[in-house]
Amino acid sequence: MNMRDNIFIALLVLGISVFCGFVGLAGLGSFFPSLNQVAKPIVCGSDVMRVDQHVYSYKPGSTSYTITVYCVDGTTGTKKDVTNQAQSTIGLISSAILFLPFLFLVFLGIKKIRQQQAAGGY
């Protein structure tokens, strides 16, 4: 396998990791609001992070979850809505955490397939 193929595979795995990080793991923050605290040092710094979960049902049998993330100034008590920054930060952190294991598994699988092909298994 040449370098161009390796780069293509790494970029493909990066895309999958980013999708899973933003949609899957960052979306879990709506169900489990405490997961959003991971972004606190980056988004709020020394301020307090408050996550409000909103649960509603617009039709029978369905339930929706949303959150609003605030940074609350400790001295004045003013709130600043930082939901987008918090979700983006969590998505990036999740994507980075997923990327290396995904990449390792893909290249391990490719190596195993090539070994089986060389041994005449396919």
PDB file of N, CA and C in Angstrom:
ATOM      1  N   MET A   1       0.860  -1.165   0.000  1.00  0.00           N
ATOM      2  CA  MET A   1       0.000   0.000   0.000  1.00  0.00           C
ATOM      3  C   MET A   1       0.910   1.233   0.000  1.00  0.00           C
ATOM      4  N   ASN A   2       0.610   2.162  -0.881  1.00  0.00           N
ATOM      5  CA  ASN A   2       1.467   3.339  -0.975  1.00  0.00           C
ATOM      6  C   ASN A   2       0.991   4.457  -0.045  1.00  0.00           C
ATOM      7  N   MET A   3       1.769   5.527   0.005  1.00  0.00           N
ATOM      8  CA  MET A   3       1.490   6.641   0.915  1.00  0.00           C
ATOM      9  C   MET A   3       0.151   7.307   0.600  1.00  0.00           C
ATOM     10  N   ARG A   4      -0.180   7.418  -0.670  1.00  0.00           N
ATOM     11  CA  ARG A   4      -1.442   8.051  -1.060  1.00  0.00           C
ATOM     12  C   ARG A   4      -2.641   7.268  -0.519  1.00  0.00           C
ATOM     13  N   ASP A   5      -2.566   5.950  -0.584  1.00  0.00           N
ATOM     14  CA  ASP A   5      -3.636   5.114  -0.041  1.00  0.00           C
ATOM     15  C   ASP A   5      -3.750   5.280   1.479  1.00  0.00           C
ATOM     16  N   ASN A   6      -2.603   5.333   2.156  1.00  0.00           N
ATOM     17  CA  ASN A   6      -2.607   5.522   3.612  1.00  0.00           C
ATOM     18  C   ASN A   6      -3.240   6.854   4.001  1.00  0.00           C
ATOM     19  N   ILE A   7      -2.909   7.903   3.257  1.00  0.00           N
ATOM     20  CA  ILE A   7      -3.472   9.228   3.542  1.00  0.00           C
ATOM     21  C   ILE A   7      -4.974   9.214   3.295  1.00  0.00           C
ATOM     22  N   PHE A   8      -5.407   8.593   2.203  1.00  0.00           N
ATOM     23  CA  PHE A   8      -6.835   8.510   1.908  1.00  0.00           C
ATOM     24  C   PHE A   8      -7.586   7.775   3.016  1.00  0.00           C
ATOM     25  N   ILE A   9      -7.037   6.654   3.465  1.00  0.00           N
ATOM     26  CA  ILE A   9      -7.676   5.876   4.533  1.00  0.00           C
ATOM     27  C   ILE A   9      -7.714   6.682   5.827  1.00  0.00           C
ATOM     28  N   ALA A  10      -6.612   7.374   6.153  1.00  0.00           N
ATOM     29  CA  ALA A  10      -6.577   8.182   7.374  1.00  0.00           C
ATOM     30  C   ALA A  10      -7.609   9.308   7.309  1.00  0.00           C
ATOM     31  N   LEU A  11      -7.758   9.948   6.154  1.00  0.00           N
ATOM     32  CA  LEU A  11      -8.754  11.017   6.016  1.00  0.00           C
ATOM     33  C   LEU A  11     -10.173  10.468   6.102  1.00  0.00           C
ATOM     34  N   LEU A  12     -10.389   9.296   5.552  1.00  0.00           N
ATOM     35  CA  LEU A  12     -11.703   8.660   5.643  1.00  0.00           C
ATOM     36  C   LEU A  12     -12.044   8.335   7.099  1.00  0.00           C
ATOM     37  N   VAL A  13     -11.085   7.784   7.814  1.00  0.00           N
ATOM     38  CA  VAL A  13     -11.292   7.466   9.229  1.00  0.00           C
ATOM     39  C   VAL A  13     -11.488   8.756  10.032  1.00  0.00           C
ATOM     40  N   LEU A  14     -10.769   9.823   9.670  1.00  0.00           N
ATOM     41  CA  LEU A  14     -10.958  11.111  10.343  1.00  0.00           C
ATOM     42  C   LEU A  14     -12.386  11.613  10.137  1.00  0.00           C
ATOM     43  N   GLY A  15     -12.906  11.502   8.925  1.00  0.00           N
ATOM     44  CA  GLY A  15     -14.278  11.922   8.653  1.00  0.00           C
ATOM     45  C   GLY A  15     -15.288  11.135   9.460  1.00  0.00           C
ATOM     46  N   ILE A  16     -15.082   9.831   9.542  1.00  0.00           N
ATOM     47  CA  ILE A  16     -15.982   8.988  10.337  1.00  0.00           C
ATOM     48  C   ILE A  16     -15.887   9.357  11.816  1.00  0.00           C
ATOM     49  N   SER A  17     -14.677   9.620  12.291  1.00  0.00           N
ATOM     50  CA  SER A  17     -14.483   9.998  13.693  1.00  0.00           C
ATOM     51  C   SER A  17     -15.161  11.325  14.006  1.00  0.00           C
ATOM     52  N   VAL A  18     -15.036  12.284  13.093  1.00  0.00           N
ATOM     53  CA  VAL A  18     -15.675  13.588  13.307  1.00  0.00           C
ATOM     54  C   VAL A  18     -17.190  13.433  13.325  1.00  0.00           C
ATOM     55  N   PHE A  19     -17.726  12.635  12.411  1.00  0.00           N
ATOM     56  CA  PHE A  19     -19.176  12.403  12.392  1.00  0.00           C
ATOM     57  C   PHE A  19     -19.630  11.767  13.702  1.00  0.00           C
ATOM     58  N   CYS A  20     -18.943  10.706  14.110  1.00  0.00           N
ATOM     59  CA  CYS A  20     -19.321  10.022  15.356  1.00  0.00           C
ATOM     60  C   CYS A  20     -19.136  10.933  16.567  1.00  0.00           C
ATOM     61  N   GLY A  21     -18.088  11.727  16.563  1.00  0.00           N
ATOM     62  CA  GLY A  21     -17.819  12.628  17.684  1.00  0.00           C
ATOM     63  C   GLY A  21     -18.870  13.698  17.832  1.00  0.00           C
ATOM     64  N   PHE A  22     -19.267  14.306  16.727  1.00  0.00           N
ATOM     65  CA  PHE A  22     -20.236  15.389  16.804  1.00  0.00           C
ATOM     66  C   PHE A  22     -21.666  14.885  16.949  1.00  0.00           C
ATOM     67  N   VAL A  23     -22.044  13.910  16.154  1.00  0.00           N
ATOM     68  CA  VAL A  23     -23.431  13.444  16.168  1.00  0.00           C
ATOM     69  C   VAL A  23     -23.679  12.490  17.329  1.00  0.00           C
ATOM     70  N   GLY A  24     -22.798  11.530  17.494  1.00  0.00           N
ATOM     71  CA  GLY A  24     -23.030  10.507  18.505  1.00  0.00           C
ATOM     72  C   GLY A  24     -22.714  10.967  19.904  1.00  0.00           C
ATOM     73  N   LEU A  25     -21.454  11.240  20.167  1.00  0.00           N
ATOM     74  CA  LEU A  25     -21.040  11.518  21.537  1.00  0.00           C
ATOM     75  C   LEU A  25     -21.459  12.903  22.011  1.00  0.00           C
ATOM     76  N   ALA A  26     -21.366  13.898  21.137  1.00  0.00           N
ATOM     77  CA  ALA A  26     -21.811  15.231  21.554  1.00  0.00           C
ATOM     78  C   ALA A  26     -23.323  15.240  21.752  1.00  0.00           C
ATOM     79  N   GLY A  27     -24.045  14.454  20.961  1.00  0.00           N
ATOM     80  CA  GLY A  27     -25.492  14.356  21.127  1.00  0.00           C
ATOM     81  C   GLY A  27     -25.891  13.710  22.441  1.00  0.00           C
ATOM     82  N   LEU A  28     -25.029  12.859  22.975  1.00  0.00           N
ATOM     83  CA  LEU A  28     -25.313  12.233  24.271  1.00  0.00           C
ATOM     84  C   LEU A  28     -25.369  13.263  25.393  1.00  0.00           C
ATOM     85  N   GLY A  29     -24.743  14.422  25.163  1.00  0.00           N
ATOM     86  CA  GLY A  29     -24.778  15.491  26.157  1.00  0.00           C
ATOM     87  C   GLY A  29     -26.180  15.999  26.429  1.00  0.00           C
ATOM     88  N   SER A  30     -27.104  15.785  25.490  1.00  0.00           N
ATOM     89  CA  SER A  30     -28.498  16.176  25.722  1.00  0.00           C
ATOM     90  C   SER A  30     -29.177  15.229  26.700  1.00  0.00           C
ATOM     91  N   PHE A  31     -28.820  13.955  26.636  1.00  0.00           N
ATOM     92  CA  PHE A  31     -29.395  12.964  27.549  1.00  0.00           C
ATOM     93  C   PHE A  31     -28.696  12.975  28.902  1.00  0.00           C
ATOM     94  N   PHE A  32     -27.392  13.176  28.873  1.00  0.00           N
ATOM     95  CA  PHE A  32     -26.588  13.182  30.096  1.00  0.00           C
ATOM     96  C   PHE A  32     -25.887  14.541  30.209  1.00  0.00           C
ATOM     97  N   PRO A  33     -26.561  15.544  30.755  1.00  0.00           N
ATOM     98  CA  PRO A  33     -26.011  16.909  30.788  1.00  0.00           C
ATOM     99  C   PRO A  33     -24.651  17.029  31.459  1.00  0.00           C
ATOM    100  N   SER A  34     -24.325  16.143  32.382  1.00  0.00           N
ATOM    101  CA  SER A  34     -23.035  16.253  33.064  1.00  0.00           C
ATOM    102  C   SER A  34     -21.860  16.024  32.116  1.00  0.00           C
ATOM    103  N   LEU A  35     -22.084  15.356  30.979  1.00  0.00           N
ATOM    104  CA  LEU A  35     -21.012  15.167  29.988  1.00  0.00           C
ATOM    105  C   LEU A  35     -20.496  16.496  29.445  1.00  0.00           C
ATOM    106  N   ASN A  36     -21.333  17.519  29.473  1.00  0.00           N
ATOM    107  CA  ASN A  36     -20.941  18.821  28.952  1.00  0.00           C
ATOM    108  C   ASN A  36     -19.881  19.498  29.811  1.00  0.00           C
ATOM    109  N   GLN A  37     -19.695  19.032  31.027  1.00  0.00           N
ATOM    110  CA  GLN A  37     -18.693  19.624  31.916  1.00  0.00           C
ATOM    111  C   GLN A  37     -17.271  19.418  31.391  1.00  0.00           C
ATOM    112  N   VAL A  38     -17.102  18.494  30.455  1.00  0.00           N
ATOM    113  CA  VAL A  38     -15.782  18.264  29.852  1.00  0.00           C
ATOM    114  C   VAL A  38     -15.283  19.536  29.179  1.00  0.00           C
ATOM    115  N   ALA A  39     -16.195  20.317  28.620  1.00  0.00           N
ATOM    116  CA  ALA A  39     -15.828  21.528  27.884  1.00  0.00           C
ATOM    117  C   ALA A  39     -15.633  22.736  28.791  1.00  0.00           C
ATOM    118  N   LYS A  40     -15.944  22.619  30.070  1.00  0.00           N
ATOM    119  CA  LYS A  40     -15.909  23.771  30.977  1.00  0.00           C
ATOM    120  C   LYS A  40     -14.581  24.521  30.984  1.00  0.00           C
ATOM    121  N   PRO A  41     -13.426  23.869  31.140  1.00  0.00           N
ATOM    122  CA  PRO A  41     -12.170  24.623  31.199  1.00  0.00           C
ATOM    123  C   PRO A  41     -11.888  25.420  29.919  1.00  0.00           C
ATOM    124  N   ILE A  42     -12.317  24.901  28.792  1.00  0.00           N
ATOM    125  CA  ILE A  42     -12.049  25.573  27.521  1.00  0.00           C
ATOM    126  C   ILE A  42     -13.067  26.672  27.260  1.00  0.00           C
ATOM    127  N   VAL A  43     -14.331  26.396  27.529  1.00  0.00           N
ATOM    128  CA  VAL A  43     -15.402  27.325  27.171  1.00  0.00           C
ATOM    129  C   VAL A  43     -15.611  28.392  28.242  1.00  0.00           C
ATOM    130  N   CYS A  44     -15.614  28.005  29.501  1.00  0.00           N
ATOM    131  CA  CYS A  44     -15.942  28.955  30.571  1.00  0.00           C
ATOM    132  C   CYS A  44     -14.740  29.434  31.377  1.00  0.00           C
ATOM    133  N   GLY A  45     -13.639  28.745  31.286  1.00  0.00           N
ATOM    134  CA  GLY A  45     -12.479  29.143  32.080  1.00  0.00           C
ATOM    135  C   GLY A  45     -12.764  29.002  33.566  1.00  0.00           C
ATOM    136  N   SER A  46     -12.640  30.111  34.307  1.00  0.00           N
ATOM    137  CA  SER A  46     -12.851  30.061  35.756  1.00  0.00           C
ATOM    138  C   SER A  46     -14.312  30.294  36.147  1.00  0.00           C
ATOM    139  N   ASP A  47     -15.159  30.630  35.195  1.00  0.00           N
ATOM    140  CA  ASP A  47     -16.580  30.820  35.492  1.00  0.00           C
ATOM    141  C   ASP A  47     -17.259  29.472  35.747  1.00  0.00           C
ATOM    142  N   VAL A  48     -18.445  29.529  36.295  1.00  0.00           N
ATOM    143  CA  VAL A  48     -19.227  28.330  36.576  1.00  0.00           C
ATOM    144  C   VAL A  48     -20.015  27.957  35.329  1.00  0.00           C
ATOM    145  N   MET A  49     -20.025  26.671  34.987  1.00  0.00           N
ATOM    146  CA  MET A  49     -20.826  26.206  33.855  1.00  0.00           C
ATOM    147  C   MET A  49     -22.133  25.639  34.380  1.00  0.00           C
ATOM    148  N   ARG A  50     -23.225  26.102  33.793  1.00  0.00           N
ATOM    149  CA  ARG A  50     -24.548  25.586  34.157  1.00  0.00           C
ATOM    150  C   ARG A  50     -25.204  25.014  32.912  1.00  0.00           C
ATOM    151  N   VAL A  51     -25.705  23.803  33.037  1.00  0.00           N
ATOM    152  CA  VAL A  51     -26.355  23.126  31.914  1.00  0.00           C
ATOM    153  C   VAL A  51     -27.814  22.904  32.284  1.00  0.00           C
ATOM    154  N   ASP A  52     -28.708  23.500  31.497  1.00  0.00           N
ATOM    155  CA  ASP A  52     -30.138  23.311  31.702  1.00  0.00           C
ATOM    156  C   ASP A  52     -30.652  22.332  30.661  1.00  0.00           C
ATOM    157  N   GLN A  53     -31.265  21.254  31.127  1.00  0.00           N
ATOM    158  CA  GLN A  53     -31.839  20.252  30.231  1.00  0.00           C
ATOM    159  C   GLN A  53     -33.335  20.532  30.075  1.00  0.00           C
ATOM    160  N   HIS A  54     -33.793  20.495  28.836  1.00  0.00           N
ATOM    161  CA  HIS A  54     -35.199  20.725  28.530  1.00  0.00           C
ATOM    162  C   HIS A  54     -35.764  19.446  27.919  1.00  0.00           C
ATOM    163  N   VAL A  55     -36.775  18.887  28.572  1.00  0.00           N
ATOM    164  CA  VAL A  55     -37.415  17.671  28.090  1.00  0.00           C
ATOM    165  C   VAL A  55     -38.847  18.042  27.720  1.00  0.00           C
ATOM    166  N   TYR A  56     -39.226  17.718  26.489  1.00  0.00           N
ATOM    167  CA  TYR A  56     -40.581  18.044  26.072  1.00  0.00           C
ATOM    168  C   TYR A  56     -41.107  16.987  25.114  1.00  0.00           C
ATOM    169  N   SER A  57     -42.422  16.954  25.005  1.00  0.00           N
ATOM    170  CA  SER A  57     -43.084  16.013  24.117  1.00  0.00           C
ATOM    171  C   SER A  57     -44.078  16.801  23.273  1.00  0.00           C
ATOM    172  N   TYR A  58     -43.843  16.858  21.978  1.00  0.00           N
ATOM    173  CA  TYR A  58     -44.737  17.616  21.107  1.00  0.00           C
ATOM    174  C   TYR A  58     -45.855  16.756  20.534  1.00  0.00           C
ATOM    175  N   LYS A  59     -45.741  15.440  20.694  1.00  0.00           N
ATOM    176  CA  LYS A  59     -46.836  14.539  20.329  1.00  0.00           C
ATOM    177  C   LYS A  59     -46.745  13.305  21.218  1.00  0.00           C
ATOM    178  N   PRO A  60     -47.860  12.640  21.434  1.00  0.00           N
ATOM    179  CA  PRO A  60     -47.851  11.472  22.318  1.00  0.00           C
ATOM    180  C   PRO A  60     -46.869  10.396  21.852  1.00  0.00           C
ATOM    181  N   GLY A  61     -46.129   9.866  22.797  1.00  0.00           N
ATOM    182  CA  GLY A  61     -45.206   8.782  22.498  1.00  0.00           C
ATOM    183  C   GLY A  61     -43.811   9.226  22.087  1.00  0.00           C
ATOM    184  N   SER A  62     -43.574  10.526  21.955  1.00  0.00           N
ATOM    185  CA  SER A  62     -42.228  10.978  21.585  1.00  0.00           C
ATOM    186  C   SER A  62     -41.739  11.990  22.614  1.00  0.00           C
ATOM    187  N   THR A  63     -40.469  11.886  22.919  1.00  0.00           N
ATOM    188  CA  THR A  63     -39.854  12.792  23.878  1.00  0.00           C
ATOM    189  C   THR A  63     -38.597  13.362  23.250  1.00  0.00           C
ATOM    190  N   SER A  64     -38.386  14.656  23.388  1.00  0.00           N
ATOM    191  CA  SER A  64     -37.195  15.317  22.852  1.00  0.00           C
ATOM    192  C   SER A  64     -36.405  15.932  23.998  1.00  0.00           C
ATOM    193  N   TYR A  65     -35.093  15.942  23.837  1.00  0.00           N
ATOM    194  CA  TYR A  65     -34.194  16.491  24.837  1.00  0.00           C
ATOM    195  C   TYR A  65     -33.342  17.563  24.181  1.00  0.00           C
ATOM    196  N   THR A  66     -33.249  18.703  24.815  1.00  0.00           N
ATOM    197  CA  THR A  66     -32.318  19.744  24.385  1.00  0.00           C
ATOM    198  C   THR A  66     -31.626  20.290  25.627  1.00  0.00           C
ATOM    199  N   ILE A  67     -30.532  20.982  25.403  1.00  0.00           N
ATOM    200  CA  ILE A  67     -29.830  21.602  26.519  1.00  0.00           C
ATOM    201  C   ILE A  67     -29.487  23.036  26.158  1.00  0.00           C
ATOM    202  N   THR A  68     -29.283  23.825  27.170  1.00  0.00           N
ATOM    203  CA  THR A  68     -28.721  25.163  27.029  1.00  0.00           C
ATOM    204  C   THR A  68     -27.577  25.241  28.028  1.00  0.00           C
ATOM    205  N   VAL A  69     -26.418  25.635  27.543  1.00  0.00           N
ATOM    206  CA  VAL A  69     -25.225  25.704  28.383  1.00  0.00           C
ATOM    207  C   VAL A  69     -24.900  27.173  28.630  1.00  0.00           C
ATOM    208  N   TYR A  70     -24.695  27.510  29.895  1.00  0.00           N
ATOM    209  CA  TYR A  70     -24.376  28.878  30.280  1.00  0.00           C
ATOM    210  C   TYR A  70     -23.060  28.911  31.038  1.00  0.00           C
ATOM    211  N   CYS A  71     -22.324  29.992  30.839  1.00  0.00           N
ATOM    212  CA  CYS A  71     -21.214  30.329  31.722  1.00  0.00           C
ATOM    213  C   CYS A  71     -21.742  31.418  32.644  1.00  0.00           C
ATOM    214  N   VAL A  72     -21.633  31.185  33.923  1.00  0.00           N
ATOM    215  CA  VAL A  72     -22.148  32.131  34.906  1.00  0.00           C
ATOM    216  C   VAL A  72     -20.966  32.777  35.620  1.00  0.00           C
ATOM    217  N   ASP A  73     -20.890  34.109  35.543  1.00  0.00           N
ATOM    218  CA  ASP A  73     -19.836  34.859  36.216  1.00  0.00           C
ATOM    219  C   ASP A  73     -20.039  34.735  37.723  1.00  0.00           C
ATOM    220  N   GLY A  74     -18.996  34.360  38.437  1.00  0.00           N
ATOM    221  CA  GLY A  74     -19.095  34.137  39.874  1.00  0.00           C
ATOM    222  C   GLY A  74     -19.325  35.405  40.679  1.00  0.00           C
ATOM    223  N   THR A  75     -18.895  36.553  40.178  1.00  0.00           N
ATOM    224  CA  THR A  75     -19.040  37.787  40.955  1.00  0.00           C
ATOM    225  C   THR A  75     -20.344  38.524  40.640  1.00  0.00           C
ATOM    226  N   THR A  76     -20.679  38.630  39.360  1.00  0.00           N
ATOM    227  CA  THR A  76     -21.883  39.392  38.997  1.00  0.00           C
ATOM    228  C   THR A  76     -23.108  38.509  38.806  1.00  0.00           C
ATOM    229  N   GLY A  77     -22.903  37.230  38.551  1.00  0.00           N
ATOM    230  CA  GLY A  77     -24.025  36.326  38.335  1.00  0.00           C
ATOM    231  C   GLY A  77     -24.613  36.396  36.940  1.00  0.00           C
ATOM    232  N   THR A  78     -23.962  37.110  36.024  1.00  0.00           N
ATOM    233  CA  THR A  78     -24.481  37.210  34.655  1.00  0.00           C
ATOM    234  C   THR A  78     -24.251  35.902  33.900  1.00  0.00           C
ATOM    235  N   LYS A  79     -25.247  35.547  33.088  1.00  0.00           N
ATOM    236  CA  LYS A  79     -25.186  34.309  32.303  1.00  0.00           C
ATOM    237  C   LYS A  79     -24.864  34.644  30.854  1.00  0.00           C
ATOM    238  N   LYS A  80     -24.058  33.798  30.265  1.00  0.00           N
ATOM    239  CA  LYS A  80     -23.750  33.924  28.840  1.00  0.00           C
ATOM    240  C   LYS A  80     -24.026  32.578  28.191  1.00  0.00           C
ATOM    241  N   ASP A  81     -24.866  32.551  27.170  1.00  0.00           N
ATOM    242  CA  ASP A  81     -25.201  31.306  26.471  1.00  0.00           C
ATOM    243  C   ASP A  81     -24.008  30.862  25.627  1.00  0.00           C
ATOM    244  N   VAL A  82     -23.461  29.695  25.939  1.00  0.00           N
ATOM    245  CA  VAL A  82     -22.300  29.153  25.225  1.00  0.00           C
ATOM    246  C   VAL A  82     -22.588  27.740  24.707  1.00  0.00           C
ATOM    247  N   THR A  83     -23.849  27.480  24.387  1.00  0.00           N
ATOM    248  CA  THR A  83     -24.244  26.137  23.960  1.00  0.00           C
ATOM    249  C   THR A  83     -23.473  25.687  22.727  1.00  0.00           C
ATOM    250  N   ASN A  84     -23.400  26.551  21.714  1.00  0.00           N
ATOM    251  CA  ASN A  84     -22.708  26.166  20.481  1.00  0.00           C
ATOM    252  C   ASN A  84     -21.229  25.899  20.707  1.00  0.00           C
ATOM    253  N   GLN A  85     -20.579  26.759  21.495  1.00  0.00           N
ATOM    254  CA  GLN A  85     -19.151  26.556  21.770  1.00  0.00           C
ATOM    255  C   GLN A  85     -18.929  25.267  22.562  1.00  0.00           C
ATOM    256  N   ALA A  86     -19.799  24.992  23.528  1.00  0.00           N
ATOM    257  CA  ALA A  86     -19.653  23.779  24.343  1.00  0.00           C
ATOM    258  C   ALA A  86     -19.848  22.534  23.485  1.00  0.00           C
ATOM    259  N   GLN A  87     -20.889  22.523  22.651  1.00  0.00           N
ATOM    260  CA  GLN A  87     -21.142  21.360  21.799  1.00  0.00           C
ATOM    261  C   GLN A  87     -20.005  21.166  20.787  1.00  0.00           C
ATOM    262  N   SER A  88     -19.491  22.250  20.234  1.00  0.00           N
ATOM    263  CA  SER A  88     -18.375  22.143  19.286  1.00  0.00           C
ATOM    264  C   SER A  88     -17.121  21.602  19.969  1.00  0.00           C
ATOM    265  N   THR A  89     -16.846  22.087  21.163  1.00  0.00           N
ATOM    266  CA  THR A  89     -15.670  21.623  21.906  1.00  0.00           C
ATOM    267  C   THR A  89     -15.788  20.147  22.247  1.00  0.00           C
ATOM    268  N   ILE A  90     -16.964  19.731  22.710  1.00  0.00           N
ATOM    269  CA  ILE A  90     -17.177  18.321  23.037  1.00  0.00           C
ATOM    270  C   ILE A  90     -17.055  17.465  21.789  1.00  0.00           C
ATOM    271  N   GLY A  91     -17.584  17.948  20.667  1.00  0.00           N
ATOM    272  CA  GLY A  91     -17.478  17.216  19.410  1.00  0.00           C
ATOM    273  C   GLY A  91     -16.034  17.034  18.971  1.00  0.00           C
ATOM    274  N   LEU A  92     -15.229  18.088  19.100  1.00  0.00           N
ATOM    275  CA  LEU A  92     -13.816  17.996  18.719  1.00  0.00           C
ATOM    276  C   LEU A  92     -13.047  17.058  19.644  1.00  0.00           C
ATOM    277  N   ILE A  93     -13.299  17.160  20.943  1.00  0.00           N
ATOM    278  CA  ILE A  93     -12.615  16.282  21.898  1.00  0.00           C
ATOM    279  C   ILE A  93     -13.003  14.827  21.639  1.00  0.00           C
ATOM    280  N   SER A  94     -14.287  14.577  21.438  1.00  0.00           N
ATOM    281  CA  SER A  94     -14.762  13.215  21.172  1.00  0.00           C
ATOM    282  C   SER A  94     -14.163  12.675  19.882  1.00  0.00           C
ATOM    283  N   SER A  95     -14.109  13.512  18.853  1.00  0.00           N
ATOM    284  CA  SER A  95     -13.548  13.091  17.571  1.00  0.00           C
ATOM    285  C   SER A  95     -12.078  12.721  17.707  1.00  0.00           C
ATOM    286  N   ALA A  96     -11.348  13.521  18.453  1.00  0.00           N
ATOM    287  CA  ALA A  96      -9.925  13.236  18.649  1.00  0.00           C
ATOM    288  C   ALA A  96      -9.725  11.937  19.422  1.00  0.00           C
ATOM    289  N   ILE A  97     -10.581  11.698  20.412  1.00  0.00           N
ATOM    290  CA  ILE A  97     -10.467  10.469  21.201  1.00  0.00           C
ATOM    291  C   ILE A  97     -10.795   9.243  20.346  1.00  0.00           C
ATOM    292  N   LEU A  98     -11.767   9.365  19.452  1.00  0.00           N
ATOM    293  CA  LEU A  98     -12.169   8.233  18.612  1.00  0.00           C
ATOM    294  C   LEU A  98     -11.209   7.964  17.454  1.00  0.00           C
ATOM    295  N   PHE A  99     -10.519   8.992  16.976  1.00  0.00           N
ATOM    296  CA  PHE A  99      -9.716   8.876  15.761  1.00  0.00           C
ATOM    297  C   PHE A  99      -8.624   7.816  15.860  1.00  0.00           C
ATOM    298  N   LEU A 100      -7.817   7.857  16.891  1.00  0.00           N
ATOM    299  CA  LEU A 100      -6.692   6.916  16.969  1.00  0.00           C
ATOM    300  C   LEU A 100      -7.121   5.456  17.087  1.00  0.00           C
ATOM    301  N   PRO A 101      -8.081   5.113  17.960  1.00  0.00           N
ATOM    302  CA  PRO A 101      -8.509   3.704  17.989  1.00  0.00           C
ATOM    303  C   PRO A 101      -9.134   3.251  16.665  1.00  0.00           C
ATOM    304  N   PHE A 102      -9.952   4.115  16.038  1.00  0.00           N
ATOM    305  CA  PHE A 102     -10.535   3.763  14.739  1.00  0.00           C
ATOM    306  C   PHE A 102      -9.445   3.524  13.710  1.00  0.00           C
ATOM    307  N   LEU A 103      -8.461   4.424  13.661  1.00  0.00           N
ATOM    308  CA  LEU A 103      -7.374   4.303  12.688  1.00  0.00           C
ATOM    309  C   LEU A 103      -6.583   3.022  12.927  1.00  0.00           C
ATOM    310  N   PHE A 104      -6.280   2.729  14.187  1.00  0.00           N
ATOM    311  CA  PHE A 104      -5.554   1.509  14.538  1.00  0.00           C
ATOM    312  C   PHE A 104      -6.327   0.271  14.081  1.00  0.00           C
ATOM    313  N   LEU A 105      -7.627   0.239  14.356  1.00  0.00           N
ATOM    314  CA  LEU A 105      -8.433  -0.925  13.983  1.00  0.00           C
ATOM    315  C   LEU A 105      -8.520  -1.104  12.470  1.00  0.00           C
ATOM    316  N   VAL A 106      -8.647  -0.003  11.738  1.00  0.00           N
ATOM    317  CA  VAL A 106      -8.726  -0.106  10.281  1.00  0.00           C
ATOM    318  C   VAL A 106      -7.421  -0.645   9.707  1.00  0.00           C
ATOM    319  N   PHE A 107      -6.293  -0.079  10.133  1.00  0.00           N
ATOM    320  CA  PHE A 107      -5.016  -0.559   9.591  1.00  0.00           C
ATOM    321  C   PHE A 107      -4.705  -1.987  10.054  1.00  0.00           C
ATOM    322  N   LEU A 108      -5.133  -2.342  11.253  1.00  0.00           N
ATOM    323  CA  LEU A 108      -4.970  -3.716  11.716  1.00  0.00           C
ATOM    324  C   LEU A 108      -5.795  -4.667  10.847  1.00  0.00           C
ATOM    325  N   GLY A 109      -7.018  -4.271  10.526  1.00  0.00           N
ATOM    326  CA  GLY A 109      -7.872  -5.083   9.657  1.00  0.00           C
ATOM    327  C   GLY A 109      -7.291  -5.229   8.264  1.00  0.00           C
ATOM    328  N   ILE A 110      -6.760  -4.135   7.709  1.00  0.00           N
ATOM    329  CA  ILE A 110      -6.143  -4.188   6.380  1.00  0.00           C
ATOM    330  C   ILE A 110      -4.938  -5.127   6.397  1.00  0.00           C
ATOM    331  N   LYS A 111      -4.130  -5.045   7.453  1.00  0.00           N
ATOM    332  CA  LYS A 111      -2.947  -5.914   7.567  1.00  0.00           C
ATOM    333  C   LYS A 111      -3.373  -7.388   7.620  1.00  0.00           C
ATOM    334  N   LYS A 112      -4.432  -7.673   8.378  1.00  0.00           N
ATOM    335  CA  LYS A 112      -4.906  -9.050   8.513  1.00  0.00           C
ATOM    336  C   LYS A 112      -5.432  -9.576   7.175  1.00  0.00           C
ATOM    337  N   ILE A 113      -6.161  -8.743   6.455  1.00  0.00           N
ATOM    338  CA  ILE A 113      -6.682  -9.144   5.140  1.00  0.00           C
ATOM    339  C   ILE A 113      -5.534  -9.428   4.183  1.00  0.00           C
ATOM    340  N   ARG A 114      -4.517  -8.586   4.188  1.00  0.00           N
ATOM    341  CA  ARG A 114      -3.361  -8.799   3.297  1.00  0.00           C
ATOM    342  C   ARG A 114      -2.609 -10.081   3.655  1.00  0.00           C
ATOM    343  N   GLN A 115      -2.508 -10.389   4.944  1.00  0.00           N
ATOM    344  CA  GLN A 115      -1.844 -11.622   5.353  1.00  0.00           C
ATOM    345  C   GLN A 115      -2.620 -12.842   4.891  1.00  0.00           C
ATOM    346  N   GLN A 116      -3.958 -12.776   4.982  1.00  0.00           N
ATOM    347  CA  GLN A 116      -4.793 -13.895   4.527  1.00  0.00           C
ATOM    348  C   GLN A 116      -4.700 -14.055   3.010  1.00  0.00           C
ATOM    349  N   GLN A 117      -4.648 -12.925   2.299  1.00  0.00           N
ATOM    350  CA  GLN A 117      -4.509 -12.997   0.838  1.00  0.00           C
ATOM    351  C   GLN A 117      -3.173 -13.601   0.446  1.00  0.00           C
ATOM    352  N   ALA A 118      -2.105 -13.218   1.185  1.00  0.00           N
ATOM    353  CA  ALA A 118      -0.782 -13.749   0.884  1.00  0.00           C
ATOM    354  C   ALA A 118      -0.703 -15.242   1.184  1.00  0.00           C
ATOM    355  N   ALA A 119      -1.455 -15.696   2.179  1.00  0.00           N
ATOM    356  CA  ALA A 119      -1.440 -17.116   2.537  1.00  0.00           C
ATOM    357  C   ALA A 119      -2.376 -17.939   1.670  1.00  0.00           C
ATOM    358  N   GLY A 120      -3.113 -17.274   0.784  1.00  0.00           N
ATOM    359  CA  GLY A 120      -4.015 -17.982  -0.115  1.00  0.00           C
ATOM    360  C   GLY A 120      -5.383 -18.209   0.474  1.00  0.00           C
ATOM    361  N   GLY A 121      -5.726 -17.472   1.532  1.00  0.00           N
ATOM    362  CA  GLY A 121      -7.030 -17.624   2.179  1.00  0.00           C
ATOM    363  C   GLY A 121      -8.170 -17.041   1.379  1.00  0.00           C
ATOM    364  N   TYR A 122      -7.890 -16.127   0.435  1.00  0.00           N
ATOM    365  CA  TYR A 122      -8.948 -15.517  -0.363  1.00  0.00           C
ATOM    366  C   TYR A 122      -8.678 -15.669  -1.828  1.00  0.00           C
TER     367      TYR A 122
END
